[in-house]
Amino acid sequence: MSTTTSAPSRAHLLGHDFLLITVMAVLAGCGLIYEYLLSHYAGRVLGSVESAIYAMIGTMIVAMGIGAFLARWFKDAFTAFAWLESLIALVGMGCILAIASVIAVSYSLPHIFSEIFNLPADTVLNGYVFEKLQEWSRFLPYVFGLLLGLLIGMEIPLIARIRQQVYGRFLENNAGTIYGADYIGAGIGAAIWVSIMLAMPIMQAAAWTALFNIIAGLVFLWRYHQHVRFAKLLLVCHVLLLVFFAFVLVLGTSWMKNLSNVLYKDKVIYSQATKYQHLVLTERLSRNQPNAITDLYLNGRLQFSSVDEQIYHSMLVYPAMLASNRHDRVLIIGGGDGLALRDVLKWPVKHVTLVDLDGQLLNLFGNDVGDYDAPEKIRTRLATLNNHSMSDPRAEIRTADAFLEVEAMLAKGERFDTILIDLPDPNHPDLNKMYSDYFYNHVRQLLAPDGAVAVQSTSPYHAKKAFLSIAKTMKAAGFGYVEQYQQNIPSFGQWGWTIATTAGKSASQRIRETNELPVPSRWVSKEYLLASFVFPNHFFEQINTIEVNRLGSGTLYDYYRQAWQVETELYKN
């Protein structure tokens, strides 16, 4: 090569180095964001965010190692690297759209065949072929993760060889320089993901990431086009990639929304990735309901259905309020939809504090703090559902991590007559701490001596060990009386709660001594509530083998994950 036949000047070499190292850093950042994007989307599709993230990272790391070995097959490092970048940009920008398309087709086929053969509308085709096709399609993120990992893994060996050819000699610290740029670029990519792209629509995030890949490829092609075979064809490919980028940026989000509709049984009316979770709202019409039924999904899991959420929230709110001697000050931890708050505000309360981490969720349900772009029509519908509880003058909404906020409340000496903990199930390691003995001990210190605390406690039928562990953990945290109760919620099946008092009498005893409900309810009565404390014979016989969920142990998360894995296998069989 002409680059290596004469001794280049130091300034000339520095120019090469600056370009190559910068390109490497940019590509490393793009590679990490692709990894996060696929992990994020896999979590949505598979409904298990933590498992998807860990599996995707492991898959891509192994694939990158294999790619590093495969790079030796390419004799022309310049040409291989130039084409590699265009291929990574194409796969990175289009893989999520491709995955969503295949999943949409796999879930649509039963309905298509039903129409072809003119089957009754309520007939669902769920044979082996359809089931396997849907199962395989849901694991496509890992297939693309493997492919992207292979391609990304080739970058470092190829650019290391390019540097040596530019210098015309063996470079002692070549690997260290390249890896340094790679690590720094990856760190910058992680910062961009957390601070900017995590809250973006996923297709826009993929498009902007691919644009940096395309630009890096164009810069490399411009500088080393004389060493790249088929350079003109490669330039055309980059122009086509830019056109594809424009389409994805403008139309990708609407495409994804339409494709995602098939993952839900009802029409998707709103979909948004917040900083902490992915929100989906669906609606369906029913002859038995005057208004459209609205369902909320967080990370693919149903959180409530407007057709029966009143049962769930009545069972959360009424027992604790009845068991509390006073109702002046109430604390709600979680419950960002404002539905528990709505029911609490029916009581003669003076002040209700609601603490939730996700500001965008709070805004969606009527909290006006924050600059978010939820459609006004959607916000109006949801505010009507929670009876505009967020804007009630007695309500104080705090956007904060409840784990830290509880400690801050203790430091300020705050006390509450009733505490309601309405958090998602412990389906993620980060949520496990909110069900720990440490957290419950702090909650106990916030509770007035004659007050009561109620905790959403997952299903006593599907996740029995997790359900029992919550009660045992609260007992270990120092509560005097800890009881559990259950009720059937049509959208969820059998569901359970845990209620505790610190002294005096148990919650069920206090409810039993109540003459009548101070606040009438459409769903519950004194007898109905007391009946919910009754469990089948031998239900608690395992209690001595159930472990307390200590902070940092992950006990409850393991119980929960194992229970739902068993349920999934039973469902398949």
Protein backbone atom coordinates (compact mmCIF):
# COMPACT_ATOMS: atom_id res chain seq x y z
CA MET A 1 0.00 0.00 0.00
CA SER A 2 1.11 3.52 -0.65
CA THR A 3 0.44 4.31 2.99
CA THR A 4 3.16 1.89 4.07
CA THR A 5 5.83 2.39 1.37
CA SER A 6 7.10 5.71 2.73
CA ALA A 7 7.62 6.87 6.26
CA PRO A 8 4.60 9.04 7.09
CA SER A 9 5.10 12.14 9.17
CA ARG A 10 4.14 12.17 12.84
CA ALA A 11 1.38 14.71 12.19
CA HIS A 12 0.06 12.54 9.38
CA LEU A 13 -0.02 9.49 11.65
CA LEU A 14 -1.73 11.46 14.40
CA GLY A 15 -4.43 12.42 11.91
CA HIS A 16 -4.96 8.76 11.04
CA ASP A 17 -4.99 7.82 14.70
CA PHE A 18 -7.46 10.51 15.68
CA LEU A 19 -9.86 9.37 12.98
CA LEU A 20 -9.51 5.64 13.65
CA ILE A 21 -9.73 5.93 17.44
CA THR A 22 -12.71 8.30 17.21
CA VAL A 23 -14.47 5.93 14.81
CA MET A 24 -13.76 3.04 17.18
CA ALA A 25 -15.15 4.97 20.17
CA VAL A 26 -18.31 5.92 18.24
CA LEU A 27 -18.85 2.35 17.12
CA ALA A 28 -18.33 1.03 20.64
CA GLY A 29 -21.00 3.40 21.92
CA CYS A 30 -23.35 2.31 19.14
CA GLY A 31 -22.66 -1.36 19.89
CA LEU A 32 -23.54 -0.96 23.56
CA ILE A 33 -26.76 0.92 22.72
CA TYR A 34 -27.76 -1.84 20.27
CA GLU A 35 -27.21 -4.30 23.12
CA TYR A 36 -29.44 -2.27 25.43
CA LEU A 37 -32.08 -1.79 22.73
CA LEU A 38 -32.35 -5.51 22.07
CA SER A 39 -32.37 -6.28 25.81
CA HIS A 40 -35.06 -3.68 26.37
CA TYR A 41 -37.24 -4.98 23.56
CA ALA A 42 -36.68 -8.63 24.52
CA GLY A 43 -37.93 -7.75 27.99
CA ARG A 44 -41.13 -6.34 26.53
CA VAL A 45 -41.70 -9.34 24.28
CA LEU A 46 -40.81 -12.04 26.79
CA GLY A 47 -42.39 -10.29 29.79
CA SER A 48 -39.29 -10.89 31.95
CA VAL A 49 -37.12 -7.81 31.79
CA GLU A 50 -34.37 -8.94 34.13
CA SER A 51 -33.92 -12.39 32.52
CA ALA A 52 -33.97 -10.88 29.03
CA ILE A 53 -31.30 -8.31 29.89
CA TYR A 54 -28.96 -10.84 31.46
CA ALA A 55 -29.47 -13.37 28.67
CA MET A 56 -29.00 -10.77 25.93
CA ILE A 57 -25.80 -9.38 27.44
CA GLY A 58 -24.40 -12.89 27.81
CA THR A 59 -25.41 -13.82 24.25
CA MET A 60 -23.82 -10.75 22.72
CA ILE A 61 -20.60 -11.02 24.74
CA VAL A 62 -20.11 -14.64 23.63
CA ALA A 63 -20.98 -13.67 20.05
CA MET A 64 -18.47 -10.80 20.14
CA GLY A 65 -15.77 -13.24 21.22
CA ILE A 66 -16.61 -15.54 18.33
CA GLY A 67 -16.67 -12.56 15.97
CA ALA A 68 -13.18 -11.57 17.07
CA PHE A 69 -11.94 -15.04 16.02
CA LEU A 70 -13.83 -14.89 12.70
CA ALA A 71 -12.22 -11.56 11.77
CA ARG A 72 -9.04 -13.39 10.74
CA TRP A 73 -10.86 -14.80 7.72
CA PHE A 74 -10.87 -11.37 6.06
CA LYS A 75 -7.58 -10.64 4.35
CA ASP A 76 -8.44 -7.07 3.32
CA ALA A 77 -9.06 -5.27 6.63
CA PHE A 78 -10.03 -1.94 5.02
CA THR A 79 -12.72 -3.43 2.78
CA ALA A 80 -14.02 -5.77 5.48
CA PHE A 81 -14.29 -2.97 8.04
CA ALA A 82 -16.04 -0.58 5.64
CA TRP A 83 -18.67 -3.13 4.65
CA LEU A 84 -19.00 -4.33 8.21
CA GLU A 85 -20.14 -0.89 9.42
CA SER A 86 -22.88 -0.60 6.82
CA LEU A 87 -24.10 -4.09 7.72
CA ILE A 88 -24.14 -3.29 11.47
CA ALA A 89 -26.09 -0.08 10.78
CA LEU A 90 -28.64 -2.00 8.70
CA VAL A 91 -29.10 -4.82 11.24
CA GLY A 92 -29.05 -2.47 14.24
CA MET A 93 -31.65 -0.14 12.75
CA GLY A 94 -33.91 -2.80 11.29
CA CYS A 95 -33.70 -5.74 13.70
CA ILE A 96 -36.38 -4.58 16.13
CA LEU A 97 -38.73 -3.79 13.26
CA ALA A 98 -38.03 -7.22 11.77
CA ILE A 99 -38.63 -8.95 15.12
CA ALA A 100 -41.89 -7.08 15.64
CA SER A 101 -43.02 -7.98 12.11
CA VAL A 102 -42.34 -11.70 12.54
CA ILE A 103 -44.06 -11.74 15.95
CA ALA A 104 -47.04 -9.88 14.48
CA VAL A 105 -47.32 -12.43 11.66
CA SER A 106 -47.02 -15.39 14.05
CA TYR A 107 -49.80 -14.04 16.26
CA SER A 108 -51.97 -13.03 13.31
CA LEU A 109 -51.86 -16.40 11.52
CA PRO A 110 -54.55 -18.05 13.70
CA HIS A 111 -56.94 -15.20 12.93
CA ILE A 112 -56.02 -15.26 9.23
CA PHE A 113 -56.73 -19.01 9.03
CA SER A 114 -59.98 -18.53 10.94
CA GLU A 115 -61.12 -16.03 8.31
CA ILE A 116 -59.93 -18.21 5.41
CA PHE A 117 -61.93 -21.20 6.66
CA ASN A 118 -64.84 -19.03 7.86
CA LEU A 119 -64.65 -20.30 11.43
CA PRO A 120 -66.84 -18.80 14.19
CA ALA A 121 -65.51 -15.52 15.62
CA ASP A 122 -64.98 -17.01 19.07
CA THR A 123 -62.92 -19.94 17.74
CA VAL A 124 -59.25 -19.66 18.65
CA LEU A 125 -56.72 -21.73 16.71
CA ASN A 126 -53.95 -22.70 19.11
CA GLY A 127 -52.52 -25.89 17.70
CA TYR A 128 -48.94 -27.09 18.02
CA VAL A 129 -47.71 -25.34 14.87
CA PHE A 130 -49.10 -21.94 15.88
CA GLU A 131 -47.86 -22.33 19.44
CA LYS A 132 -44.33 -23.23 18.34
CA LEU A 133 -44.20 -20.46 15.75
CA GLN A 134 -45.18 -17.90 18.39
CA GLU A 135 -42.67 -19.35 20.84
CA TRP A 136 -39.81 -19.25 18.33
CA SER A 137 -40.68 -15.76 17.13
CA ARG A 138 -40.48 -14.43 20.70
CA PHE A 139 -36.85 -15.54 20.89
CA LEU A 140 -35.83 -13.71 17.73
CA PRO A 141 -34.20 -10.91 19.81
CA TYR A 142 -31.51 -13.40 20.82
CA VAL A 143 -30.98 -14.44 17.19
CA PHE A 144 -30.38 -10.84 16.20
CA GLY A 145 -28.32 -10.32 19.36
CA LEU A 146 -26.10 -13.20 18.26
CA LEU A 147 -25.78 -11.75 14.75
CA LEU A 148 -25.01 -8.23 15.96
CA GLY A 149 -22.55 -9.59 18.51
CA LEU A 150 -20.68 -11.47 15.78
CA LEU A 151 -20.44 -8.35 13.63
CA ILE A 152 -19.46 -6.02 16.48
CA GLY A 153 -16.83 -8.50 17.68
CA MET A 154 -15.01 -8.19 14.34
CA GLU A 155 -14.51 -4.43 14.69
CA ILE A 156 -11.59 -4.37 17.13
CA PRO A 157 -9.37 -6.96 15.32
CA LEU A 158 -10.00 -5.28 11.97
CA ILE A 159 -9.31 -1.74 13.10
CA ALA A 160 -6.19 -2.95 14.95
CA ARG A 161 -4.90 -4.40 11.68
CA ILE A 162 -5.77 -1.16 9.87
CA ARG A 163 -3.72 0.88 12.38
CA GLN A 164 -0.72 -1.36 11.87
CA GLN A 165 -0.98 -1.09 8.10
CA VAL A 166 -1.26 2.71 8.37
CA TYR A 167 1.85 2.83 10.56
CA GLY A 168 3.62 0.24 8.42
CA ARG A 169 4.96 -1.68 11.42
CA PHE A 170 3.98 -3.68 14.47
CA LEU A 171 2.56 -1.49 17.24
CA GLU A 172 3.36 -2.61 20.78
CA ASN A 173 0.37 -0.91 22.44
CA ASN A 174 -2.02 -1.30 19.53
CA ALA A 175 -4.51 -3.48 21.42
CA GLY A 176 -4.38 -1.22 24.49
CA THR A 177 -5.14 1.88 22.43
CA ILE A 178 -8.03 0.26 20.59
CA TYR A 179 -9.52 -1.27 23.73
CA GLY A 180 -9.16 2.05 25.54
CA ALA A 181 -11.20 3.77 22.82
CA ASP A 182 -13.69 0.91 22.91
CA TYR A 183 -14.24 1.12 26.68
CA ILE A 184 -14.53 4.90 26.71
CA GLY A 185 -16.93 4.86 23.76
CA ALA A 186 -19.03 2.20 25.46
CA GLY A 187 -19.19 4.30 28.61
CA ILE A 188 -20.35 7.32 26.63
CA GLY A 189 -22.92 5.12 24.88
CA ALA A 190 -24.25 3.93 28.25
CA ALA A 191 -24.57 7.53 29.45
CA ILE A 192 -26.45 8.50 26.26
CA TRP A 193 -28.76 5.52 26.67
CA VAL A 194 -29.64 6.29 30.29
CA SER A 195 -29.96 10.05 29.93
CA ILE A 196 -31.57 10.37 26.50
CA MET A 197 -32.54 7.21 24.64
CA LEU A 198 -34.21 5.26 27.43
CA ALA A 199 -37.19 7.62 27.27
CA MET A 200 -37.30 7.66 23.45
CA PRO A 201 -39.59 5.51 21.32
CA ILE A 202 -37.52 2.42 20.65
CA MET A 203 -37.44 2.81 16.85
CA GLN A 204 -36.24 6.41 17.10
CA ALA A 205 -33.47 5.31 19.46
CA ALA A 206 -32.46 2.58 17.00
CA ALA A 207 -32.51 5.02 14.07
CA TRP A 208 -30.37 7.68 15.78
CA THR A 209 -27.86 5.04 16.89
CA ALA A 210 -27.62 3.68 13.35
CA LEU A 211 -27.08 7.21 12.03
CA PHE A 212 -23.86 7.46 14.03
CA ASN A 213 -22.84 4.10 12.57
CA ILE A 214 -23.58 5.38 9.06
CA ILE A 215 -21.66 8.62 9.60
CA ALA A 216 -18.67 6.74 11.01
CA GLY A 217 -18.77 4.44 7.99
CA LEU A 218 -18.94 7.39 5.58
CA VAL A 219 -16.02 9.14 7.26
CA PHE A 220 -13.96 5.94 7.09
CA LEU A 221 -14.93 5.43 3.44
CA TRP A 222 -14.04 9.04 2.58
CA ARG A 223 -10.59 8.72 4.18
CA TYR A 224 -9.66 5.23 2.96
CA HIS A 225 -11.74 4.77 -0.19
CA GLN A 226 -8.59 4.04 -2.22
CA HIS A 227 -8.08 0.91 -0.11
CA VAL A 228 -11.70 -0.26 -0.20
CA ARG A 229 -12.92 -2.51 -2.98
CA PHE A 230 -16.30 -1.65 -4.51
CA ALA A 231 -16.12 1.74 -2.78
CA LYS A 232 -18.71 3.30 -5.11
CA LEU A 233 -21.17 0.51 -4.45
CA LEU A 234 -20.57 0.93 -0.73
CA LEU A 235 -21.28 4.65 -1.05
CA VAL A 236 -24.62 3.86 -2.69
CA CYS A 237 -25.38 1.47 0.19
CA HIS A 238 -24.73 4.27 2.68
CA VAL A 239 -27.04 6.60 0.77
CA LEU A 240 -29.75 3.93 0.87
CA LEU A 241 -29.12 3.49 4.59
CA LEU A 242 -29.67 7.21 5.07
CA VAL A 243 -32.97 6.94 3.20
CA PHE A 244 -33.93 3.99 5.38
CA PHE A 245 -32.93 6.04 8.44
CA ALA A 246 -35.28 8.83 7.40
CA PHE A 247 -38.19 6.41 6.94
CA VAL A 248 -37.56 4.70 10.28
CA LEU A 249 -37.20 8.01 12.11
CA VAL A 250 -40.44 9.40 10.73
CA LEU A 251 -42.60 6.27 10.47
CA GLY A 252 -40.90 3.70 12.70
CA THR A 253 -42.83 4.52 15.84
CA SER A 254 -46.22 4.24 14.14
CA TRP A 255 -45.12 0.99 12.46
CA MET A 256 -44.10 -0.44 15.81
CA LYS A 257 -47.35 0.64 17.41
CA ASN A 258 -49.36 -1.15 14.72
CA LEU A 259 -47.22 -4.27 14.96
CA SER A 260 -47.38 -4.29 18.76
CA ASN A 261 -51.17 -4.28 18.71
CA VAL A 262 -51.19 -8.02 18.03
CA LEU A 263 -49.35 -8.72 21.31
CA TYR A 264 -52.39 -7.51 23.22
CA LYS A 265 -55.87 -8.92 22.99
CA ASP A 266 -57.34 -5.43 22.63
CA LYS A 267 -56.66 -2.28 20.67
CA VAL A 268 -53.57 -0.36 21.81
CA ILE A 269 -54.48 3.29 22.33
CA TYR A 270 -51.27 4.50 23.97
CA SER A 271 -47.73 3.17 24.20
CA GLN A 272 -44.83 4.96 25.84
CA ALA A 273 -41.39 4.00 27.16
CA THR A 274 -40.70 5.99 30.31
CA LYS A 275 -37.38 6.16 32.08
CA TYR A 276 -38.38 3.21 34.26
CA GLN A 277 -40.88 1.06 32.36
CA HIS A 278 -42.92 0.58 29.22
CA LEU A 279 -46.55 1.69 29.46
CA VAL A 280 -49.29 0.33 27.23
CA LEU A 281 -52.98 1.21 27.42
CA THR A 282 -55.56 -0.85 25.56
CA GLU A 283 -59.30 -0.57 25.13
CA ARG A 284 -62.15 -2.83 24.16
CA LEU A 285 -65.88 -2.42 23.84
CA SER A 286 -68.33 -4.58 25.75
CA ARG A 287 -72.10 -4.84 25.55
CA ASN A 288 -72.21 -5.10 29.35
CA GLN A 289 -70.20 -1.91 29.97
CA PRO A 290 -71.39 1.63 29.16
CA ASN A 291 -67.81 2.83 28.54
CA ALA A 292 -64.84 1.30 26.78
CA ILE A 293 -62.82 -1.02 29.04
CA THR A 294 -59.31 0.32 29.64
CA ASP A 295 -56.39 -1.94 30.59
CA LEU A 296 -52.93 -0.82 31.73
CA TYR A 297 -49.84 -2.94 31.06
CA LEU A 298 -46.40 -2.25 32.53
CA ASN A 299 -43.54 -4.08 30.80
CA GLY A 300 -46.08 -6.44 29.25
CA ARG A 301 -47.83 -7.32 32.52
CA LEU A 302 -51.43 -6.35 33.20
CA GLN A 303 -51.68 -3.88 36.10
CA PHE A 304 -55.40 -3.22 36.09
CA SER A 305 -58.53 -3.47 34.00
CA SER A 306 -61.18 -0.81 34.44
CA VAL A 307 -63.85 -3.51 34.37
CA ASP A 308 -62.83 -4.90 37.79
CA GLU A 309 -60.12 -2.68 39.27
CA GLN A 310 -62.69 -1.44 41.80
CA ILE A 311 -62.64 -4.88 43.45
CA TYR A 312 -58.86 -4.85 43.76
CA HIS A 313 -58.62 -1.33 45.12
CA SER A 314 -61.52 -1.77 47.52
CA MET A 315 -59.77 -4.84 48.94
CA LEU A 316 -56.54 -2.87 49.31
CA VAL A 317 -58.06 0.26 50.84
CA TYR A 318 -61.06 -0.72 52.95
CA PRO A 319 -59.51 -3.28 55.34
CA ALA A 320 -56.64 -0.97 56.28
CA MET A 321 -58.87 2.08 56.65
CA LEU A 322 -61.36 0.12 58.79
CA ALA A 323 -58.56 -1.26 60.96
CA SER A 324 -57.07 2.20 61.57
CA ASN A 325 -58.41 4.22 64.49
CA ARG A 326 -57.94 7.52 62.68
CA HIS A 327 -57.74 8.59 59.03
CA ASP A 328 -56.21 12.05 59.17
CA ARG A 329 -52.97 11.23 57.38
CA VAL A 330 -52.60 8.43 54.84
CA LEU A 331 -49.52 7.30 52.91
CA ILE A 332 -49.73 5.45 49.59
CA ILE A 333 -46.52 3.88 48.29
CA GLY A 334 -46.80 3.14 44.58
CA GLY A 335 -50.28 3.38 43.11
CA GLY A 336 -49.20 5.83 40.41
CA ASP A 337 -52.50 5.31 38.62
CA GLY A 338 -54.30 7.24 41.39
CA LEU A 339 -56.97 4.55 41.79
CA ALA A 340 -56.13 3.65 45.39
CA LEU A 341 -55.90 7.39 46.05
CA ARG A 342 -59.39 7.81 44.62
CA ASP A 343 -60.82 5.31 47.11
CA VAL A 344 -58.88 6.77 50.05
CA LEU A 345 -60.23 10.24 49.30
CA LYS A 346 -63.77 8.94 49.80
CA TRP A 347 -62.93 8.73 53.50
CA PRO A 348 -62.76 11.78 55.83
CA VAL A 349 -58.99 12.23 55.37
CA LYS A 350 -57.11 15.47 55.87
CA HIS A 351 -53.95 14.69 53.92
CA VAL A 352 -52.83 11.87 51.62
CA THR A 353 -49.24 11.48 50.45
CA LEU A 354 -48.63 9.38 47.35
CA VAL A 355 -45.06 8.40 46.47
CA ASP A 356 -44.28 6.92 43.04
CA LEU A 357 -41.04 6.75 41.08
CA ASP A 358 -42.36 7.25 37.56
CA GLY A 359 -43.25 10.88 36.87
CA GLN A 360 -44.56 10.08 33.40
CA LEU A 361 -46.99 7.52 34.79
CA LEU A 362 -48.20 10.05 37.36
CA ASN A 363 -48.60 12.67 34.66
CA LEU A 364 -50.55 10.27 32.48
CA PHE A 365 -53.07 9.77 35.29
CA GLY A 366 -53.62 13.43 36.04
CA ASN A 367 -50.63 14.82 37.94
CA ASP A 368 -49.77 18.12 36.26
CA VAL A 369 -46.20 18.34 37.54
CA GLY A 370 -43.62 17.73 34.82
CA ASP A 371 -43.41 18.43 31.12
CA TYR A 372 -44.72 15.33 29.39
CA ASP A 373 -46.54 14.89 26.11
CA ALA A 374 -49.32 12.41 26.89
CA PRO A 375 -52.35 13.03 24.64
CA GLU A 376 -54.99 15.12 26.38
CA LYS A 377 -57.71 12.66 25.37
CA ILE A 378 -55.91 9.81 27.12
CA ARG A 379 -55.17 11.88 30.23
CA THR A 380 -58.81 12.95 30.43
CA ARG A 381 -60.00 9.35 30.22
CA LEU A 382 -57.64 8.20 32.96
CA ALA A 383 -58.32 11.19 35.20
CA THR A 384 -62.00 10.39 34.93
CA LEU A 385 -61.27 6.80 35.89
CA ASN A 386 -59.49 7.87 39.10
CA ASN A 387 -62.03 10.66 39.72
CA HIS A 388 -59.35 13.35 39.30
CA SER A 389 -57.75 12.20 42.53
CA MET A 390 -54.33 13.61 41.60
CA SER A 391 -55.70 17.15 41.62
CA ASP A 392 -57.56 16.86 44.94
CA PRO A 393 -56.24 19.54 47.37
CA ARG A 394 -55.83 16.90 50.08
CA ALA A 395 -53.43 14.90 47.90
CA GLU A 396 -49.68 15.48 47.84
CA ILE A 397 -47.91 13.70 44.98
CA ARG A 398 -44.20 13.01 45.38
CA THR A 399 -42.15 11.74 42.45
CA ALA A 400 -39.43 9.82 44.28
CA ASP A 401 -37.92 6.44 45.03
CA ALA A 402 -40.08 5.24 47.93
CA PHE A 403 -37.18 3.27 49.39
CA LEU A 404 -35.27 6.52 49.93
CA GLU A 405 -38.34 8.68 50.56
CA VAL A 406 -39.43 6.53 53.50
CA GLU A 407 -36.05 7.13 55.14
CA ALA A 408 -36.41 10.87 54.50
CA MET A 409 -39.90 10.84 56.05
CA LEU A 410 -38.54 9.13 59.14
CA ALA A 411 -35.80 11.74 59.42
CA LYS A 412 -38.49 14.46 59.33
CA GLY A 413 -40.55 12.69 61.98
CA GLU A 414 -43.60 12.13 59.77
CA ARG A 415 -46.33 9.75 60.96
CA PHE A 416 -49.34 8.24 59.16
CA ASP A 417 -52.57 6.72 60.41
CA THR A 418 -52.85 4.33 57.48
CA ILE A 419 -50.24 3.12 54.98
CA LEU A 420 -51.07 1.38 51.69
CA ILE A 421 -48.33 -0.26 49.63
CA ASP A 422 -49.54 -0.73 46.06
CA LEU A 423 -46.37 -1.78 44.23
CA PRO A 424 -46.00 -4.11 41.23
CA ASP A 425 -45.27 -7.75 41.97
CA PRO A 426 -41.64 -8.49 42.96
CA ASN A 427 -40.81 -9.53 39.39
CA HIS A 428 -37.52 -7.63 39.20
CA PRO A 429 -34.48 -7.59 41.51
CA ASP A 430 -34.88 -3.83 41.94
CA LEU A 431 -38.39 -4.33 43.35
CA ASN A 432 -37.23 -7.00 45.79
CA LYS A 433 -35.88 -4.37 48.22
CA MET A 434 -39.36 -2.82 48.46
CA TYR A 435 -40.57 -6.08 49.99
CA SER A 436 -37.63 -6.54 52.37
CA ASP A 437 -37.53 -6.64 56.18
CA TYR A 438 -35.46 -3.44 56.11
CA PHE A 439 -38.09 -1.52 54.16
CA TYR A 440 -40.99 -2.87 56.21
CA ASN A 441 -39.19 -1.93 59.42
CA HIS A 442 -39.02 1.67 58.22
CA VAL A 443 -42.67 1.56 57.19
CA ARG A 444 -43.58 0.28 60.65
CA GLN A 445 -41.84 3.26 62.24
CA LEU A 446 -43.90 5.62 60.05
CA LEU A 447 -47.17 4.03 61.18
CA ALA A 448 -49.16 5.45 64.09
CA PRO A 449 -49.56 2.99 67.02
CA ASP A 450 -53.26 2.53 66.32
CA GLY A 451 -52.89 2.44 62.53
CA ALA A 452 -52.75 -0.33 59.93
CA VAL A 453 -50.72 -1.06 56.81
CA ALA A 454 -51.91 -3.10 53.81
CA VAL A 455 -49.59 -4.52 51.15
CA GLN A 456 -50.36 -5.85 47.68
CA SER A 457 -48.97 -9.39 47.98
CA THR A 458 -49.32 -11.19 44.59
CA SER A 459 -51.38 -14.33 44.06
CA PRO A 460 -51.75 -16.83 46.91
CA TYR A 461 -52.68 -19.44 44.30
CA HIS A 462 -50.04 -18.95 41.59
CA ALA A 463 -47.18 -17.73 43.81
CA LYS A 464 -47.96 -19.19 47.22
CA LYS A 465 -44.41 -19.12 48.62
CA ALA A 466 -43.93 -15.48 47.59
CA PHE A 467 -47.29 -14.63 49.16
CA LEU A 468 -46.38 -16.30 52.46
CA SER A 469 -42.90 -14.78 52.47
CA ILE A 470 -44.32 -11.26 52.42
CA ALA A 471 -46.28 -11.90 55.64
CA LYS A 472 -43.34 -13.59 57.31
CA THR A 473 -41.07 -10.70 56.32
CA MET A 474 -43.48 -8.14 57.79
CA LYS A 475 -43.61 -10.15 61.01
CA ALA A 476 -39.81 -10.18 61.13
CA ALA A 477 -39.85 -6.39 60.64
CA GLY A 478 -41.55 -5.97 64.02
CA PHE A 479 -45.28 -5.73 63.28
CA GLY A 480 -47.33 -7.10 66.18
CA TYR A 481 -50.15 -8.67 64.18
CA VAL A 482 -49.75 -9.79 60.57
CA GLU A 483 -52.63 -11.37 58.62
CA GLN A 484 -53.34 -12.18 55.00
CA TYR A 485 -56.53 -12.14 52.97
CA GLN A 486 -57.59 -12.94 49.43
CA GLN A 487 -60.25 -12.29 46.83
CA ASN A 488 -60.93 -13.22 43.25
CA ILE A 489 -60.25 -10.51 40.68
CA PRO A 490 -61.59 -11.66 37.28
CA SER A 491 -58.69 -10.12 35.35
CA PHE A 492 -56.04 -11.69 37.61
CA GLY A 493 -57.63 -14.69 39.28
CA GLN A 494 -57.14 -15.29 42.99
CA TRP A 495 -55.24 -12.36 44.50
CA GLY A 496 -53.88 -11.62 47.94
CA TRP A 497 -52.95 -8.85 50.36
CA THR A 498 -51.14 -8.64 53.70
CA ILE A 499 -52.37 -6.40 56.52
CA ALA A 500 -50.53 -5.58 59.75
CA THR A 501 -50.94 -3.59 62.94
CA THR A 502 -48.26 -2.77 65.50
CA ALA A 503 -50.19 -3.14 68.77
CA GLY A 504 -53.62 -3.62 70.31
CA LYS A 505 -55.74 -5.90 68.17
CA SER A 506 -55.30 -7.54 64.81
CA ALA A 507 -56.86 -5.98 61.72
CA SER A 508 -59.53 -8.67 61.41
CA GLN A 509 -60.55 -8.19 65.04
CA ARG A 510 -60.88 -4.45 64.52
CA ILE A 511 -62.99 -5.01 61.38
CA ARG A 512 -65.18 -7.52 63.21
CA GLU A 513 -65.91 -4.95 65.94
CA THR A 514 -67.04 -2.38 63.36
CA ASN A 515 -70.78 -1.90 63.30
CA GLU A 516 -71.01 -0.66 59.72
CA LEU A 517 -68.80 0.71 56.98
CA PRO A 518 -68.23 4.45 57.58
CA VAL A 519 -67.93 4.86 53.81
CA PRO A 520 -70.42 2.80 51.76
CA SER A 521 -68.93 0.63 49.02
CA ARG A 522 -70.43 -0.89 45.94
CA TRP A 523 -68.15 -3.90 46.20
CA VAL A 524 -67.42 -4.75 49.84
CA SER A 525 -69.28 -5.24 53.09
CA LYS A 526 -68.11 -6.16 56.58
CA GLU A 527 -69.03 -9.83 56.02
CA TYR A 528 -67.38 -9.85 52.60
CA LEU A 529 -64.11 -8.52 54.08
CA LEU A 530 -64.09 -10.93 57.01
CA ALA A 531 -64.71 -13.86 54.67
CA SER A 532 -61.61 -12.92 52.69
CA PHE A 533 -59.43 -13.74 55.74
CA VAL A 534 -60.47 -17.41 55.47
CA PHE A 535 -58.09 -19.75 53.61
CA PRO A 536 -58.36 -23.46 52.74
CA ASN A 537 -57.30 -26.09 55.25
CA HIS A 538 -53.52 -26.57 55.48
CA PHE A 539 -52.84 -23.45 53.42
CA PHE A 540 -50.27 -22.22 55.94
CA GLU A 541 -48.63 -25.57 56.64
CA GLN A 542 -45.46 -24.55 54.74
CA ILE A 543 -44.98 -21.36 56.72
CA ASN A 544 -42.08 -22.74 58.81
CA THR A 545 -40.07 -23.53 55.67
CA ILE A 546 -40.66 -20.10 54.10
CA GLU A 547 -37.72 -17.69 54.38
CA VAL A 548 -37.82 -14.03 55.35
CA ASN A 549 -36.91 -11.67 52.52
CA ARG A 550 -33.83 -9.97 53.95
CA LEU A 551 -32.50 -6.87 52.21
CA GLY A 552 -30.08 -7.98 49.51
CA SER A 553 -31.07 -11.66 49.69
CA GLY A 554 -33.37 -11.85 46.65
CA THR A 555 -35.45 -14.50 48.44
CA LEU A 556 -38.84 -13.14 47.45
CA TYR A 557 -37.78 -12.48 43.87
CA ASP A 558 -36.62 -16.12 43.58
CA TYR A 559 -39.89 -17.43 45.03
CA TYR A 560 -41.87 -15.30 42.61
CA ARG A 561 -39.80 -16.15 39.53
CA GLN A 562 -39.85 -19.88 40.24
CA ALA A 563 -43.61 -19.85 40.80
CA TRP A 564 -44.45 -18.18 37.51
CA GLN A 565 -41.95 -20.33 35.60
CA VAL A 566 -43.79 -23.40 36.88
CA GLU A 567 -47.12 -21.83 35.88
CA THR A 568 -45.79 -21.15 32.39
CA GLU A 569 -44.63 -24.73 31.97
CA LEU A 570 -47.94 -26.10 33.23
CA TYR A 571 -49.78 -23.84 30.80
CA LYS A 572 -47.66 -25.10 27.90
CA ASN A 573 -48.21 -28.72 28.82
